[in-house]
Amino acid sequence: MPAHLRAAMPTDVAVRTPVEQSPQQLETASVERQRALTQSRQQDTDNRVRETLSMRMA
């Protein structure tokens, strides 16, 4: 496994993690980050829509 893919985890965890599991953990973390980013963007969009609607109603 390339070192740059393992560098984001603590050394003790990297040493104990079997090589086969590292890509799975990386993929899981990537999916979780993407999900959080998507949720954050959706919340931003929702907030802008609410602000626009409240300005139009005022």
PDB file of N, CA and C in Angstrom:
ATOM      1  N   MET A   1       0.858  -1.179   0.000  1.00  0.00           N
ATOM      2  CA  MET A   1       0.000   0.000   0.000  1.00  0.00           C
ATOM      3  C   MET A   1       0.895   1.230   0.000  1.00  0.00           C
ATOM      4  N   PRO A   2       0.602   2.195  -0.863  1.00  0.00           N
ATOM      5  CA  PRO A   2       1.402   3.422  -0.897  1.00  0.00           C
ATOM      6  C   PRO A   2       1.346   4.148   0.448  1.00  0.00           C
ATOM      7  N   ALA A   3       2.466   4.684   0.848  1.00  0.00           N
ATOM      8  CA  ALA A   3       2.563   5.347   2.150  1.00  0.00           C
ATOM      9  C   ALA A   3       1.605   6.520   2.272  1.00  0.00           C
ATOM     10  N   HIS A   4       1.380   7.258   1.192  1.00  0.00           N
ATOM     11  CA  HIS A   4       0.517   8.438   1.301  1.00  0.00           C
ATOM     12  C   HIS A   4      -0.932   8.067   1.627  1.00  0.00           C
ATOM     13  N   LEU A   5      -1.324   6.829   1.359  1.00  0.00           N
ATOM     14  CA  LEU A   5      -2.676   6.398   1.697  1.00  0.00           C
ATOM     15  C   LEU A   5      -2.793   5.994   3.167  1.00  0.00           C
ATOM     16  N   ARG A   6      -1.687   5.664   3.780  1.00  0.00           N
ATOM     17  CA  ARG A   6      -1.693   5.262   5.186  1.00  0.00           C
ATOM     18  C   ARG A   6      -1.274   6.403   6.096  1.00  0.00           C
ATOM     19  N   ALA A   7      -0.762   7.473   5.552  1.00  0.00           N
ATOM     20  CA  ALA A   7      -0.196   8.554   6.349  1.00  0.00           C
ATOM     21  C   ALA A   7      -1.234   9.298   7.178  1.00  0.00           C
ATOM     22  N   ALA A   8      -2.497   9.210   6.820  1.00  0.00           N
ATOM     23  CA  ALA A   8      -3.532   9.966   7.519  1.00  0.00           C
ATOM     24  C   ALA A   8      -3.986   9.299   8.813  1.00  0.00           C
ATOM     25  N   MET A   9      -3.489   8.129   9.114  1.00  0.00           N
ATOM     26  CA  MET A   9      -3.902   7.454  10.344  1.00  0.00           C
ATOM     27  C   MET A   9      -2.742   7.434  11.332  1.00  0.00           C
ATOM     28  N   PRO A  10      -3.050   7.327  12.615  1.00  0.00           N
ATOM     29  CA  PRO A  10      -1.983   7.255  13.617  1.00  0.00           C
ATOM     30  C   PRO A  10      -1.062   6.068  13.338  1.00  0.00           C
ATOM     31  N   THR A  11       0.199   6.228  13.656  1.00  0.00           N
ATOM     32  CA  THR A  11       1.201   5.209  13.353  1.00  0.00           C
ATOM     33  C   THR A  11       0.857   3.861  13.968  1.00  0.00           C
ATOM     34  N   ASP A  12       0.432   3.849  15.229  1.00  0.00           N
ATOM     35  CA  ASP A  12       0.133   2.568  15.873  1.00  0.00           C
ATOM     36  C   ASP A  12      -1.019   1.844  15.182  1.00  0.00           C
ATOM     37  N   VAL A  13      -1.995   2.600  14.695  1.00  0.00           N
ATOM     38  CA  VAL A  13      -3.116   1.996  13.969  1.00  0.00           C
ATOM     39  C   VAL A  13      -2.628   1.468  12.622  1.00  0.00           C
ATOM     40  N   ALA A  14      -1.798   2.228  11.946  1.00  0.00           N
ATOM     41  CA  ALA A  14      -1.279   1.806  10.641  1.00  0.00           C
ATOM     42  C   ALA A  14      -0.477   0.520  10.757  1.00  0.00           C
ATOM     43  N   VAL A  15       0.314   0.422  11.805  1.00  0.00           N
ATOM     44  CA  VAL A  15       1.143  -0.771  11.988  1.00  0.00           C
ATOM     45  C   VAL A  15       0.283  -2.004  12.251  1.00  0.00           C
ATOM     46  N   ARG A  16      -0.804  -1.849  12.991  1.00  0.00           N
ATOM     47  CA  ARG A  16      -1.668  -2.987  13.340  1.00  0.00           C
ATOM     48  C   ARG A  16      -2.676  -3.336  12.249  1.00  0.00           C
ATOM     49  N   THR A  17      -2.884  -2.458  11.291  1.00  0.00           N
ATOM     50  CA  THR A  17      -3.909  -2.673  10.273  1.00  0.00           C
ATOM     51  C   THR A  17      -3.382  -3.567   9.156  1.00  0.00           C
ATOM     52  N   PRO A  18      -4.052  -4.693   8.913  1.00  0.00           N
ATOM     53  CA  PRO A  18      -3.634  -5.535   7.792  1.00  0.00           C
ATOM     54  C   PRO A  18      -3.746  -4.761   6.471  1.00  0.00           C
ATOM     55  N   VAL A  19      -2.836  -5.029   5.580  1.00  0.00           N
ATOM     56  CA  VAL A  19      -2.793  -4.322   4.300  1.00  0.00           C
ATOM     57  C   VAL A  19      -4.132  -4.418   3.574  1.00  0.00           C
ATOM     58  N   GLU A  20      -4.804  -5.555   3.675  1.00  0.00           N
ATOM     59  CA  GLU A  20      -6.069  -5.753   2.971  1.00  0.00           C
ATOM     60  C   GLU A  20      -7.160  -4.817   3.488  1.00  0.00           C
ATOM     61  N   GLN A  21      -7.092  -4.418   4.749  1.00  0.00           N
ATOM     62  CA  GLN A  21      -8.132  -3.576   5.334  1.00  0.00           C
ATOM     63  C   GLN A  21      -7.924  -2.093   5.059  1.00  0.00           C
ATOM     64  N   SER A  22      -6.706  -1.686   4.804  1.00  0.00           N
ATOM     65  CA  SER A  22      -6.424  -0.261   4.623  1.00  0.00           C
ATOM     66  C   SER A  22      -7.242   0.377   3.505  1.00  0.00           C
ATOM     67  N   PRO A  23      -7.307  -0.219   2.306  1.00  0.00           N
ATOM     68  CA  PRO A  23      -8.118   0.403   1.252  1.00  0.00           C
ATOM     69  C   PRO A  23      -9.595   0.476   1.629  1.00  0.00           C
ATOM     70  N   GLN A  24     -10.083  -0.523   2.347  1.00  0.00           N
ATOM     71  CA  GLN A  24     -11.490  -0.512   2.768  1.00  0.00           C
ATOM     72  C   GLN A  24     -11.743   0.637   3.736  1.00  0.00           C
ATOM     73  N   GLN A  25     -10.840   0.836   4.685  1.00  0.00           N
ATOM     74  CA  GLN A  25     -10.998   1.916   5.657  1.00  0.00           C
ATOM     75  C   GLN A  25     -10.890   3.267   4.967  1.00  0.00           C
ATOM     76  N   LEU A  26      -9.983   3.366   4.009  1.00  0.00           N
ATOM     77  CA  LEU A  26      -9.825   4.613   3.268  1.00  0.00           C
ATOM     78  C   LEU A  26     -11.099   4.925   2.489  1.00  0.00           C
ATOM     79  N   GLU A  27     -11.668   3.923   1.853  1.00  0.00           N
ATOM     80  CA  GLU A  27     -12.905   4.107   1.095  1.00  0.00           C
ATOM     81  C   GLU A  27     -14.051   4.503   2.022  1.00  0.00           C
ATOM     82  N   THR A  28     -14.145   3.849   3.169  1.00  0.00           N
ATOM     83  CA  THR A  28     -15.196   4.178   4.135  1.00  0.00           C
ATOM     84  C   THR A  28     -15.063   5.623   4.598  1.00  0.00           C
ATOM     85  N   ALA A  29     -13.861   6.035   4.928  1.00  0.00           N
ATOM     86  CA  ALA A  29     -13.634   7.415   5.371  1.00  0.00           C
ATOM     87  C   ALA A  29     -13.965   8.396   4.258  1.00  0.00           C
ATOM     88  N   SER A  30     -13.599   8.048   3.037  1.00  0.00           N
ATOM     89  CA  SER A  30     -13.880   8.919   1.899  1.00  0.00           C
ATOM     90  C   SER A  30     -15.381   9.072   1.683  1.00  0.00           C
ATOM     91  N   VAL A  31     -16.105   7.974   1.775  1.00  0.00           N
ATOM     92  CA  VAL A  31     -17.563   8.010   1.604  1.00  0.00           C
ATOM     93  C   VAL A  31     -18.198   8.847   2.710  1.00  0.00           C
ATOM     94  N   GLU A  32     -17.725   8.680   3.941  1.00  0.00           N
ATOM     95  CA  GLU A  32     -18.278   9.448   5.065  1.00  0.00           C
ATOM     96  C   GLU A  32     -18.014  10.942   4.891  1.00  0.00           C
ATOM     97  N   ARG A  33     -16.802  11.289   4.453  1.00  0.00           N
ATOM     98  CA  ARG A  33     -16.481  12.707   4.211  1.00  0.00           C
ATOM     99  C   ARG A  33     -17.355  13.274   3.107  1.00  0.00           C
ATOM    100  N   GLN A  34     -17.550  12.506   2.041  1.00  0.00           N
ATOM    101  CA  GLN A  34     -18.382  12.970   0.929  1.00  0.00           C
ATOM    102  C   GLN A  34     -19.825  13.158   1.372  1.00  0.00           C
ATOM    103  N   ARG A  35     -20.319  12.233   2.176  1.00  0.00           N
ATOM    104  CA  ARG A  35     -21.687  12.335   2.692  1.00  0.00           C
ATOM    105  C   ARG A  35     -21.841  13.593   3.555  1.00  0.00           C
ATOM    106  N   ALA A  36     -20.867  13.852   4.418  1.00  0.00           N
ATOM    107  CA  ALA A  36     -20.919  15.041   5.274  1.00  0.00           C
ATOM    108  C   ALA A  36     -20.853  16.314   4.437  1.00  0.00           C
ATOM    109  N   LEU A  37     -20.015  16.324   3.416  1.00  0.00           N
ATOM    110  CA  LEU A  37     -19.905  17.491   2.544  1.00  0.00           C
ATOM    111  C   LEU A  37     -21.213  17.728   1.796  1.00  0.00           C
ATOM    112  N   THR A  38     -21.801  16.672   1.281  1.00  0.00           N
ATOM    113  CA  THR A  38     -23.078  16.789   0.576  1.00  0.00           C
ATOM    114  C   THR A  38     -24.160  17.317   1.506  1.00  0.00           C
ATOM    115  N   GLN A  39     -24.198  16.803   2.722  1.00  0.00           N
ATOM    116  CA  GLN A  39     -25.195  17.257   3.696  1.00  0.00           C
ATOM    117  C   GLN A  39     -24.984  18.733   4.026  1.00  0.00           C
ATOM    118  N   SER A  40     -23.746  19.134   4.204  1.00  0.00           N
ATOM    119  CA  SER A  40     -23.443  20.532   4.513  1.00  0.00           C
ATOM    120  C   SER A  40     -23.859  21.447   3.365  1.00  0.00           C
ATOM    121  N   ARG A  41     -23.570  21.024   2.152  1.00  0.00           N
ATOM    122  CA  ARG A  41     -23.961  21.829   0.986  1.00  0.00           C
ATOM    123  C   ARG A  41     -25.479  21.935   0.875  1.00  0.00           C
ATOM    124  N   GLN A  42     -26.163  20.832   1.166  1.00  0.00           N
ATOM    125  CA  GLN A  42     -27.626  20.849   1.110  1.00  0.00           C
ATOM    126  C   GLN A  42     -28.193  21.791   2.164  1.00  0.00           C
ATOM    127  N   GLN A  43     -27.605  21.776   3.351  1.00  0.00           N
ATOM    128  CA  GLN A  43     -28.062  22.682   4.407  1.00  0.00           C
ATOM    129  C   GLN A  43     -27.835  24.137   4.002  1.00  0.00           C
ATOM    130  N   ASP A  44     -26.684  24.411   3.388  1.00  0.00           N
ATOM    131  CA  ASP A  44     -26.408  25.773   2.908  1.00  0.00           C
ATOM    132  C   ASP A  44     -27.446  26.202   1.875  1.00  0.00           C
ATOM    133  N   THR A  45     -27.750  25.305   0.945  1.00  0.00           N
ATOM    134  CA  THR A  45     -28.749  25.603  -0.084  1.00  0.00           C
ATOM    135  C   THR A  45     -30.112  25.841   0.549  1.00  0.00           C
ATOM    136  N   ASP A  46     -30.495  24.985   1.474  1.00  0.00           N
ATOM    137  CA  ASP A  46     -31.782  25.145   2.162  1.00  0.00           C
ATOM    138  C   ASP A  46     -31.849  26.487   2.888  1.00  0.00           C
ATOM    139  N   ASN A  47     -30.764  26.857   3.556  1.00  0.00           N
ATOM    140  CA  ASN A  47     -30.738  28.131   4.278  1.00  0.00           C
ATOM    141  C   ASN A  47     -30.879  29.315   3.327  1.00  0.00           C
ATOM    142  N   ARG A  48     -30.198  29.252   2.186  1.00  0.00           N
ATOM    143  CA  ARG A  48     -30.305  30.346   1.210  1.00  0.00           C
ATOM    144  C   ARG A  48     -31.728  30.457   0.672  1.00  0.00           C
ATOM    145  N   VAL A  49     -32.358  29.321   0.406  1.00  0.00           N
ATOM    146  CA  VAL A  49     -33.740  29.329  -0.091  1.00  0.00           C
ATOM    147  C   VAL A  49     -34.661  29.948   0.957  1.00  0.00           C
ATOM    148  N   ARG A  50     -34.498  29.534   2.217  1.00  0.00           N
ATOM    149  CA  ARG A  50     -35.331  30.100   3.290  1.00  0.00           C
ATOM    150  C   ARG A  50     -35.123  31.609   3.414  1.00  0.00           C
ATOM    151  N   GLU A  51     -33.867  32.055   3.339  1.00  0.00           N
ATOM    152  CA  GLU A  51     -33.581  33.490   3.431  1.00  0.00           C
ATOM    153  C   GLU A  51     -34.227  34.248   2.275  1.00  0.00           C
ATOM    154  N   THR A  52     -34.124  33.696   1.080  1.00  0.00           N
ATOM    155  CA  THR A  52     -34.712  34.339  -0.095  1.00  0.00           C
ATOM    156  C   THR A  52     -36.227  34.431   0.052  1.00  0.00           C
ATOM    157  N   LEU A  53     -36.842  33.355   0.493  1.00  0.00           N
ATOM    158  CA  LEU A  53     -38.294  33.359   0.670  1.00  0.00           C
ATOM    159  C   LEU A  53     -38.723  34.350   1.750  1.00  0.00           C
ATOM    160  N   SER A  54     -37.973  34.424   2.840  1.00  0.00           N
ATOM    161  CA  SER A  54     -38.365  35.347   3.907  1.00  0.00           C
ATOM    162  C   SER A  54     -38.181  36.795   3.465  1.00  0.00           C
ATOM    163  N   MET A  55     -37.190  37.075   2.624  1.00  0.00           N
ATOM    164  CA  MET A  55     -37.006  38.439   2.110  1.00  0.00           C
ATOM    165  C   MET A  55     -38.153  38.821   1.181  1.00  0.00           C
ATOM    166  N   ARG A  56     -38.605  37.870   0.387  1.00  0.00           N
ATOM    167  CA  ARG A  56     -39.708  38.147  -0.538  1.00  0.00           C
ATOM    168  C   ARG A  56     -41.019  38.370   0.201  1.00  0.00           C
ATOM    169  N   MET A  57     -41.185  37.701   1.334  1.00  0.00           N
ATOM    170  CA  MET A  57     -42.429  37.816   2.088  1.00  0.00           C
ATOM    171  C   MET A  57     -42.451  39.072   2.963  1.00  0.00           C
ATOM    172  N   ALA A  58     -41.291  39.646   3.229  1.00  0.00           N
ATOM    173  CA  ALA A  58     -41.218  40.816   4.120  1.00  0.00           C
ATOM    174  C   ALA A  58     -41.630  42.095   3.426  1.00  0.00           C
TER     175      ALA A  58
END
